[in-house]
PDB file of N, CA and C in Angstrom:
ATOM      1  N   MET A   1     121.220 266.866 -18.409  1.00  0.00           N
ATOM      2  CA  MET A   1     121.595 266.584 -17.043  1.00  0.00           C
ATOM      3  C   MET A   1     122.897 267.298 -16.705  1.00  0.00           C
ATOM      4  N   ASN A   2     122.997 267.569 -15.469  1.00  0.00           N
ATOM      5  CA  ASN A   2     124.194 268.222 -14.985  1.00  0.00           C
ATOM      6  C   ASN A   2     125.340 267.212 -14.954  1.00  0.00           C
ATOM      7  N   LYS A   3     126.540 267.611 -15.312  1.00  0.00           N
ATOM      8  CA  LYS A   3     127.682 266.691 -15.349  1.00  0.00           C
ATOM      9  C   LYS A   3     128.056 266.201 -13.961  1.00  0.00           C
ATOM     10  N   LYS A   4     127.930 267.055 -12.961  1.00  0.00           N
ATOM     11  CA  LYS A   4     128.258 266.628 -11.597  1.00  0.00           C
ATOM     12  C   LYS A   4     127.274 265.570 -11.113  1.00  0.00           C
ATOM     13  N   LEU A   5     125.990 265.740 -11.424  1.00  0.00           N
ATOM     14  CA  LEU A   5     124.991 264.768 -11.016  1.00  0.00           C
ATOM     15  C   LEU A   5     125.200 263.440 -11.744  1.00  0.00           C
ATOM     16  N   LEU A   6     125.488 263.495 -13.038  1.00  0.00           N
ATOM     17  CA  LEU A   6     125.748 262.285 -13.826  1.00  0.00           C
ATOM     18  C   LEU A   6     126.972 261.547 -13.293  1.00  0.00           C
ATOM     19  N   PHE A   7     128.026 262.291 -12.971  1.00  0.00           N
ATOM     20  CA  PHE A   7     129.240 261.668 -12.418  1.00  0.00           C
ATOM     21  C   PHE A   7     128.953 261.036 -11.057  1.00  0.00           C
ATOM     22  N   GLY A   8     128.194 261.682 -10.208  1.00  0.00           N
ATOM     23  CA  GLY A   8     127.841 261.154  -8.887  1.00  0.00           C
ATOM     24  C   GLY A   8     127.023 259.884  -8.989  1.00  0.00           C
ATOM     25  N   VAL A   9     126.042 259.856  -9.894  1.00  0.00           N
ATOM     26  CA  VAL A   9     125.222 258.659 -10.100  1.00  0.00           C
ATOM     27  C   VAL A   9     126.078 257.525 -10.636  1.00  0.00           C
ATOM     28  N   LEU A  10     126.982 257.812 -11.541  1.00  0.00           N
ATOM     29  CA  LEU A  10     127.867 256.791 -12.099  1.00  0.00           C
ATOM     30  C   LEU A  10     128.769 256.187 -11.015  1.00  0.00           C
ATOM     31  N   VAL A  11     129.311 257.014 -10.125  1.00  0.00           N
ATOM     32  CA  VAL A  11     130.160 256.531  -9.037  1.00  0.00           C
ATOM     33  C   VAL A  11     129.357 255.647  -8.091  1.00  0.00           C
ATOM     34  N   VAL A  12     128.137 256.044  -7.765  1.00  0.00           N
ATOM     35  CA  VAL A  12     127.291 255.250  -6.865  1.00  0.00           C
ATOM     36  C   VAL A  12     126.953 253.905  -7.499  1.00  0.00           C
ATOM     37  N   VAL A  13     126.652 253.887  -8.795  1.00  0.00           N
ATOM     38  CA  VAL A  13     126.328 252.637  -9.491  1.00  0.00           C
ATOM     39  C   VAL A  13     127.550 251.715  -9.521  1.00  0.00           C
ATOM     40  N   ILE A  14     128.719 252.251  -9.780  1.00  0.00           N
ATOM     41  CA  ILE A  14     129.941 251.434  -9.820  1.00  0.00           C
ATOM     42  C   ILE A  14     130.242 250.862  -8.437  1.00  0.00           C
ATOM     43  N   LEU A  15     130.105 251.674  -7.404  1.00  0.00           N
ATOM     44  CA  LEU A  15     130.335 251.173  -6.045  1.00  0.00           C
ATOM     45  C   LEU A  15     129.317 250.113  -5.650  1.00  0.00           C
ATOM     46  N   ALA A  16     128.071 250.287  -6.068  1.00  0.00           N
ATOM     47  CA  ALA A  16     127.041 249.295  -5.768  1.00  0.00           C
ATOM     48  C   ALA A  16     127.335 247.974  -6.483  1.00  0.00           C
ATOM     49  N   LEU A  17     127.764 248.039  -7.733  1.00  0.00           N
ATOM     50  CA  LEU A  17     128.113 246.819  -8.480  1.00  0.00           C
ATOM     51  C   LEU A  17     129.329 246.128  -7.858  1.00  0.00           C
ATOM     52  N   ALA A  18     130.321 246.904  -7.455  1.00  0.00           N
ATOM     53  CA  ALA A  18     131.512 246.314  -6.841  1.00  0.00           C
ATOM     54  C   ALA A  18     131.156 245.668  -5.505  1.00  0.00           C
ATOM     55  N   GLY A  19     130.352 246.334  -4.706  1.00  0.00           N
ATOM     56  CA  GLY A  19     129.942 245.766  -3.420  1.00  0.00           C
ATOM     57  C   GLY A  19     129.101 244.517  -3.591  1.00  0.00           C
ATOM     58  N   GLY A  20     128.187 244.537  -4.554  1.00  0.00           N
ATOM     59  CA  GLY A  20     127.350 243.370  -4.814  1.00  0.00           C
ATOM     60  C   GLY A  20     128.142 242.185  -5.322  1.00  0.00           C
ATOM     61  N   SER A  21     129.086 242.440  -6.210  1.00  0.00           N
ATOM     62  CA  SER A  21     129.894 241.329  -6.726  1.00  0.00           C
ATOM     63  C   SER A  21     130.818 240.771  -5.645  1.00  0.00           C
ATOM     64  N   TYR A  22     131.331 241.632  -4.781  1.00  0.00           N
ATOM     65  CA  TYR A  22     132.158 241.138  -3.672  1.00  0.00           C
ATOM     66  C   TYR A  22     131.329 240.284  -2.724  1.00  0.00           C
ATOM     67  N   TYR A  23     130.120 240.706  -2.414  1.00  0.00           N
ATOM     68  CA  TYR A  23     129.242 239.938  -1.527  1.00  0.00           C
ATOM     69  C   TYR A  23     128.903 238.588  -2.153  1.00  0.00           C
ATOM     70  N   TYR A  24     128.589 238.591  -3.467  1.00  0.00           N
ATOM     71  CA  TYR A  24     128.290 237.336  -4.150  1.00  0.00           C
ATOM     72  C   TYR A  24     129.495 236.395  -4.121  1.00  0.00           C
ATOM     73  N   TRP A  25     130.676 236.933  -4.389  1.00  0.00           N
ATOM     74  CA  TRP A  25     131.896 236.120  -4.386  1.00  0.00           C
ATOM     75  C   TRP A  25     132.164 235.567  -3.000  1.00  0.00           C
ATOM     76  N   LYS A  26     131.963 236.368  -1.969  1.00  0.00           N
ATOM     77  CA  LYS A  26     132.245 235.959  -0.594  1.00  0.00           C
ATOM     78  C   LYS A  26     131.291 234.860  -0.141  1.00  0.00           C
ATOM     79  N   THR A  27     130.017 234.945  -0.522  1.00  0.00           N
ATOM     80  CA  THR A  27     129.038 233.982  -0.020  1.00  0.00           C
ATOM     81  C   THR A  27     128.897 232.753  -0.905  1.00  0.00           C
ATOM     82  N   LYS A  28     129.001 232.889  -2.179  1.00  0.00           N
ATOM     83  CA  LYS A  28     128.709 231.765  -3.076  1.00  0.00           C
ATOM     84  C   LYS A  28     129.941 231.027  -3.569  1.00  0.00           C
ATOM     85  N   MET A  29     131.018 231.712  -3.811  1.00  0.00           N
ATOM     86  CA  MET A  29     132.175 231.092  -4.446  1.00  0.00           C
ATOM     87  C   MET A  29     133.133 230.450  -3.462  1.00  0.00           C
ATOM     88  N   GLN A  30     133.264 231.005  -2.283  1.00  0.00           N
ATOM     89  CA  GLN A  30     134.210 230.448  -1.322  1.00  0.00           C
ATOM     90  C   GLN A  30     133.526 229.406  -0.457  1.00  0.00           C
ATOM     91  N   LYS A  31     134.276 228.388  -0.067  1.00  0.00           N
ATOM     92  CA  LYS A  31     133.776 227.362   0.835  1.00  0.00           C
ATOM     93  C   LYS A  31     133.943 227.848   2.260  1.00  0.00           C
ATOM     94  N   SER A  32     133.083 227.371   3.099  1.00  0.00           N
ATOM     95  CA  SER A  32     133.216 227.752   4.503  1.00  0.00           C
ATOM     96  C   SER A  32     134.400 227.001   5.109  1.00  0.00           C
ATOM     97  N   ALA A  33     134.824 227.437   6.261  1.00  0.00           N
ATOM     98  CA  ALA A  33     135.978 226.817   6.918  1.00  0.00           C
ATOM     99  C   ALA A  33     135.682 225.374   7.293  1.00  0.00           C
ATOM    100  N   THR A  34     134.464 225.093   7.699  1.00  0.00           N
ATOM    101  CA  THR A  34     134.133 223.713   8.076  1.00  0.00           C
ATOM    102  C   THR A  34     134.143 222.793   6.865  1.00  0.00           C
ATOM    103  N   GLN A  35     133.638 223.271   5.729  1.00  0.00           N
ATOM    104  CA  GLN A  35     133.660 222.446   4.523  1.00  0.00           C
ATOM    105  C   GLN A  35     135.091 222.171   4.077  1.00  0.00           C
ATOM    106  N   GLN A  36     135.939 223.185   4.146  1.00  0.00           N
ATOM    107  CA  GLN A  36     137.335 223.016   3.756  1.00  0.00           C
ATOM    108  C   GLN A  36     138.036 222.044   4.698  1.00  0.00           C
ATOM    109  N   ALA A  37     137.753 222.135   5.995  1.00  0.00           N
ATOM    110  CA  ALA A  37     138.376 221.231   6.964  1.00  0.00           C
ATOM    111  C   ALA A  37     137.932 219.793   6.727  1.00  0.00           C
ATOM    112  N   VAL A  38     136.658 219.591   6.434  1.00  0.00           N
ATOM    113  CA  VAL A  38     136.158 218.232   6.172  1.00  0.00           C
ATOM    114  C   VAL A  38     136.836 217.653   4.939  1.00  0.00           C
ATOM    115  N   GLU A  39     136.986 218.442   3.892  1.00  0.00           N
ATOM    116  CA  GLU A  39     137.653 217.951   2.677  1.00  0.00           C
ATOM    117  C   GLU A  39     139.120 217.619   2.943  1.00  0.00           C
ATOM    118  N   ASP A  40     139.808 218.453   3.706  1.00  0.00           N
ATOM    119  CA  ASP A  40     141.213 218.184   4.024  1.00  0.00           C
ATOM    120  C   ASP A  40     141.356 216.907   4.840  1.00  0.00           C
ATOM    121  N   ILE A  41     140.477 216.701   5.798  1.00  0.00           N
ATOM    122  CA  ILE A  41     140.532 215.482   6.621  1.00  0.00           C
ATOM    123  C   ILE A  41     140.265 214.256   5.769  1.00  0.00           C
ATOM    124  N   GLN A  42     139.313 214.346   4.855  1.00  0.00           N
ATOM    125  CA  GLN A  42     139.015 213.205   3.991  1.00  0.00           C
ATOM    126  C   GLN A  42     140.191 212.877   3.077  1.00  0.00           C
ATOM    127  N   LYS A  43     140.880 213.897   2.560  1.00  0.00           N
ATOM    128  CA  LYS A  43     142.054 213.660   1.719  1.00  0.00           C
ATOM    129  C   LYS A  43     143.158 212.984   2.521  1.00  0.00           C
ATOM    130  N   THR A  44     143.361 213.441   3.755  1.00  0.00           N
ATOM    131  CA  THR A  44     144.399 212.849   4.600  1.00  0.00           C
ATOM    132  C   THR A  44     144.058 211.404   4.933  1.00  0.00           C
ATOM    133  N   MET A  45     142.814 211.156   5.270  1.00  0.00           N
ATOM    134  CA  MET A  45     142.409 209.792   5.601  1.00  0.00           C
ATOM    135  C   MET A  45     142.534 208.874   4.397  1.00  0.00           C
ATOM    136  N   ALA A  46     142.252 209.381   3.217  1.00  0.00           N
ATOM    137  CA  ALA A  46     142.390 208.565   2.011  1.00  0.00           C
ATOM    138  C   ALA A  46     143.853 208.198   1.785  1.00  0.00           C
ATOM    139  N   GLY A  47     144.765 209.146   2.028  1.00  0.00           N
ATOM    140  CA  GLY A  47     146.191 208.862   1.873  1.00  0.00           C
ATOM    141  C   GLY A  47     146.681 207.852   2.892  1.00  0.00           C
ATOM    142  N   VAL A  48     146.214 207.965   4.119  1.00  0.00           N
ATOM    143  CA  VAL A  48     146.612 207.016   5.159  1.00  0.00           C
ATOM    144  C   VAL A  48     146.033 205.646   4.869  1.00  0.00           C
ATOM    145  N   SER A  49     144.783 205.604   4.425  1.00  0.00           N
ATOM    146  CA  SER A  49     144.154 204.325   4.101  1.00  0.00           C
ATOM    147  C   SER A  49     144.873 203.643   2.946  1.00  0.00           C
ATOM    148  N   ALA A  50     145.343 204.434   1.981  1.00  0.00           N
ATOM    149  CA  ALA A  50     146.076 203.849   0.861  1.00  0.00           C
ATOM    150  C   ALA A  50     147.397 203.254   1.335  1.00  0.00           C
ATOM    151  N   ASP A  51     148.077 203.923   2.267  1.00  0.00           N
ATOM    152  CA  ASP A  51     149.328 203.389   2.795  1.00  0.00           C
ATOM    153  C   ASP A  51     149.089 202.114   3.589  1.00  0.00           C
ATOM    154  N   ILE A  52     148.028 202.072   4.358  1.00  0.00           N
ATOM    155  CA  ILE A  52     147.723 200.872   5.138  1.00  0.00           C
ATOM    156  C   ILE A  52     147.381 199.724   4.208  1.00  0.00           C
ATOM    157  N   GLY A  53     146.687 200.024   3.125  1.00  0.00           N
ATOM    158  CA  GLY A  53     146.322 198.989   2.168  1.00  0.00           C
ATOM    159  C   GLY A  53     147.526 198.400   1.460  1.00  0.00           C
ATOM    160  N   ASN A  54     148.606 199.151   1.345  1.00  0.00           N
ATOM    161  CA  ASN A  54     149.804 198.663   0.663  1.00  0.00           C
ATOM    162  C   ASN A  54     150.758 197.946   1.611  1.00  0.00           C
ATOM    163  N   ASN A  55     150.316 197.642   2.814  1.00  0.00           N
ATOM    164  CA  ASN A  55     151.110 196.923   3.812  1.00  0.00           C
ATOM    165  C   ASN A  55     152.426 197.639   4.119  1.00  0.00           C
ATOM    166  N   VAL A  56     152.365 198.922   4.273  1.00  0.00           N
ATOM    167  CA  VAL A  56     153.543 199.677   4.660  1.00  0.00           C
ATOM    168  C   VAL A  56     153.761 199.442   6.140  1.00  0.00           C
ATOM    169  N   SER A  57     154.926 198.983   6.477  1.00  0.00           N
ATOM    170  CA  SER A  57     155.234 198.651   7.859  1.00  0.00           C
ATOM    171  C   SER A  57     156.490 199.395   8.278  1.00  0.00           C
ATOM    172  N   PRO A  58     156.582 199.799   9.536  1.00  0.00           N
ATOM    173  CA  PRO A  58     157.816 200.436   9.989  1.00  0.00           C
ATOM    174  C   PRO A  58     159.010 199.493   9.906  1.00  0.00           C
ATOM    175  N   ASP A  59     158.759 198.191  10.007  1.00  0.00           N
ATOM    176  CA  ASP A  59     159.851 197.224   9.917  1.00  0.00           C
ATOM    177  C   ASP A  59     160.449 197.200   8.516  1.00  0.00           C
ATOM    178  N   VAL A  60     159.637 197.460   7.516  1.00  0.00           N
ATOM    179  CA  VAL A  60     160.115 197.416   6.139  1.00  0.00           C
ATOM    180  C   VAL A  60     160.921 198.668   5.823  1.00  0.00           C
ATOM    181  N   THR A  61     160.506 199.815   6.351  1.00  0.00           N
ATOM    182  CA  THR A  61     161.141 201.065   5.974  1.00  0.00           C
ATOM    183  C   THR A  61     162.261 201.491   6.917  1.00  0.00           C
ATOM    184  N   THR A  62     162.387 200.853   8.077  1.00  0.00           N
ATOM    185  CA  THR A  62     163.410 201.238   9.040  1.00  0.00           C
ATOM    186  C   THR A  62     164.715 200.514   8.714  1.00  0.00           C
ATOM    187  N   PRO A  63     165.824 201.227   8.646  1.00  0.00           N
ATOM    188  CA  PRO A  63     167.095 200.560   8.354  1.00  0.00           C
ATOM    189  C   PRO A  63     167.578 199.748   9.559  1.00  0.00           C
ATOM    190  N   ALA A  64     168.419 198.782   9.300  1.00  0.00           N
ATOM    191  CA  ALA A  64     168.984 197.963  10.370  1.00  0.00           C
ATOM    192  C   ALA A  64     169.988 198.785  11.162  1.00  0.00           C
ATOM    193  N   VAL A  65     169.984 198.595  12.464  1.00  0.00           N
ATOM    194  CA  VAL A  65     170.875 199.338  13.347  1.00  0.00           C
ATOM    195  C   VAL A  65     171.912 198.367  13.910  1.00  0.00           C
ATOM    196  N   ASN A  66     173.177 198.720  13.765  1.00  0.00           N
ATOM    197  CA  ASN A  66     174.239 197.893  14.328  1.00  0.00           C
ATOM    198  C   ASN A  66     174.397 198.233  15.800  1.00  0.00           C
ATOM    199  N   LEU A  67     174.389 197.211  16.644  1.00  0.00           N
ATOM    200  CA  LEU A  67     174.531 197.429  18.074  1.00  0.00           C
ATOM    201  C   LEU A  67     175.976 197.787  18.414  1.00  0.00           C
ATOM    202  N   PRO A  68     176.156 198.684  19.349  1.00  0.00           N
ATOM    203  CA  PRO A  68     177.524 199.052  19.724  1.00  0.00           C
ATOM    204  C   PRO A  68     178.178 197.939  20.545  1.00  0.00           C
ATOM    205  N   ASN A  69     179.472 198.087  20.738  1.00  0.00           N
ATOM    206  CA  ASN A  69     180.224 197.129  21.535  1.00  0.00           C
ATOM    207  C   ASN A  69     179.720 197.186  22.974  1.00  0.00           C
ATOM    208  N   LEU A  70     179.297 196.041  23.517  1.00  0.00           N
ATOM    209  CA  LEU A  70     178.736 196.027  24.860  1.00  0.00           C
ATOM    210  C   LEU A  70     179.815 196.147  25.931  1.00  0.00           C
ATOM    211  N   ASP A  71     181.059 195.853  25.591  1.00  0.00           N
ATOM    212  CA  ASP A  71     182.162 195.971  26.543  1.00  0.00           C
ATOM    213  C   ASP A  71     182.877 197.299  26.272  1.00  0.00           C
ATOM    214  N   ALA A  72     182.129 198.395  26.356  1.00  0.00           N
ATOM    215  CA  ALA A  72     182.667 199.693  25.994  1.00  0.00           C
ATOM    216  C   ALA A  72     183.189 200.470  27.190  1.00  0.00           C
ATOM    217  N   ASN A  73     183.141 199.911  28.380  1.00  0.00           N
ATOM    218  CA  ASN A  73     183.612 200.611  29.570  1.00  0.00           C
ATOM    219  C   ASN A  73     185.137 200.519  29.626  1.00  0.00           C
ATOM    220  N   PRO A  74     185.861 201.618  29.509  1.00  0.00           N
ATOM    221  CA  PRO A  74     187.323 201.545  29.514  1.00  0.00           C
ATOM    222  C   PRO A  74     187.890 201.240  30.898  1.00  0.00           C
ATOM    223  N   TYR A  75     187.134 201.411  31.948  1.00  0.00           N
ATOM    224  CA  TYR A  75     187.648 201.172  33.297  1.00  0.00           C
ATOM    225  C   TYR A  75     187.672 199.693  33.658  1.00  0.00           C
ATOM    226  N   ASN A  76     187.027 198.828  32.870  1.00  0.00           N
ATOM    227  CA  ASN A  76     187.115 197.390  33.141  1.00  0.00           C
ATOM    228  C   ASN A  76     188.534 196.878  32.929  1.00  0.00           C
ATOM    229  N   LYS A  77     189.272 197.474  32.016  1.00  0.00           N
ATOM    230  CA  LYS A  77     190.612 196.982  31.691  1.00  0.00           C
ATOM    231  C   LYS A  77     191.695 197.680  32.511  1.00  0.00           C
ATOM    232  N   THR A  78     191.426 198.892  32.999  1.00  0.00           N
ATOM    233  CA  THR A  78     192.461 199.658  33.671  1.00  0.00           C
ATOM    234  C   THR A  78     192.191 199.855  35.158  1.00  0.00           C
ATOM    235  N   ASN A  79     191.309 199.073  35.741  1.00  0.00           N
ATOM    236  CA  ASN A  79     190.960 199.241  37.141  1.00  0.00           C
ATOM    237  C   ASN A  79     192.101 198.710  38.022  1.00  0.00           C
ATOM    238  N   PRO A  80     192.739 199.568  38.839  1.00  0.00           N
ATOM    239  CA  PRO A  80     193.849 199.096  39.677  1.00  0.00           C
ATOM    240  C   PRO A  80     193.366 198.303  40.889  1.00  0.00           C
ATOM    241  N   PHE A  81     192.092 198.352  41.188  1.00  0.00           N
ATOM    242  CA  PHE A  81     191.569 197.658  42.361  1.00  0.00           C
ATOM    243  C   PHE A  81     190.869 196.359  41.998  1.00  0.00           C
ATOM    244  N   SER A  82     191.219 195.730  40.910  1.00  0.00           N
ATOM    245  CA  SER A  82     190.522 194.526  40.485  1.00  0.00           C
ATOM    246  C   SER A  82     190.912 193.304  41.322  1.00  0.00           C
ATOM    247  N   ASN A  83     192.007 193.339  42.072  1.00  0.00           N
ATOM    248  CA  ASN A  83     192.429 192.189  42.867  1.00  0.00           C
ATOM    249  C   ASN A  83     191.858 192.219  44.287  1.00  0.00           C
ATOM    250  N   LEU A  84     191.089 193.205  44.652  1.00  0.00           N
ATOM    251  CA  LEU A  84     190.505 193.305  45.987  1.00  0.00           C
ATOM    252  C   LEU A  84     189.307 192.385  46.108  1.00  0.00           C
ATOM    253  N   LYS A  85     188.978 192.046  47.391  1.00  0.00           N
ATOM    254  CA  LYS A  85     187.795 191.216  47.603  1.00  0.00           C
ATOM    255  C   LYS A  85     186.521 191.980  47.247  1.00  0.00           C
ATOM    256  N   THR A  86     186.409 193.213  47.717  1.00  0.00           N
ATOM    257  CA  THR A  86     185.245 194.035  47.380  1.00  0.00           C
ATOM    258  C   THR A  86     185.722 195.209  46.548  1.00  0.00           C
ATOM    259  N   ASN A  87     185.367 195.207  45.311  1.00  0.00           N
ATOM    260  CA  ASN A  87     185.773 196.251  44.391  1.00  0.00           C
ATOM    261  C   ASN A  87     184.728 197.375  44.423  1.00  0.00           C
ATOM    262  N   PRO A  88     185.080 198.568  44.855  1.00  0.00           N
ATOM    263  CA  PRO A  88     184.067 199.646  44.926  1.00  0.00           C
ATOM    264  C   PRO A  88     183.704 200.216  43.554  1.00  0.00           C
ATOM    265  N   PHE A  89     184.429 199.887  42.539  1.00  0.00           N
ATOM    266  CA  PHE A  89     184.165 200.445  41.217  1.00  0.00           C
ATOM    267  C   PHE A  89     183.412 199.499  40.291  1.00  0.00           C
ATOM    268  N   LYS A  90     183.165 198.276  40.713  1.00  0.00           N
ATOM    269  CA  LYS A  90     182.517 197.316  39.837  1.00  0.00           C
ATOM    270  C   LYS A  90     181.105 197.098  40.216  1.00  0.00           C
TER     271      LYS A  90
END
């Protein structure tokens, strides 16, 4: 056989094997997007269901908040018009 013909046939066979294996990998080995999305949703729901089952409450995990001083208006103490009958600032 001619060396050029043998080399050409070998290249075609290698390309055919590479293309076939890529097609097989693409169709059989990978999951479709919908299957992957369904699995991800099920994993998330399982995690949420586990948290609900353990009685996790926002009241338990939220820290206590100290209320600020309700008399925080500085003008209540320094208002020069506090002796008037109608105070426009109060």
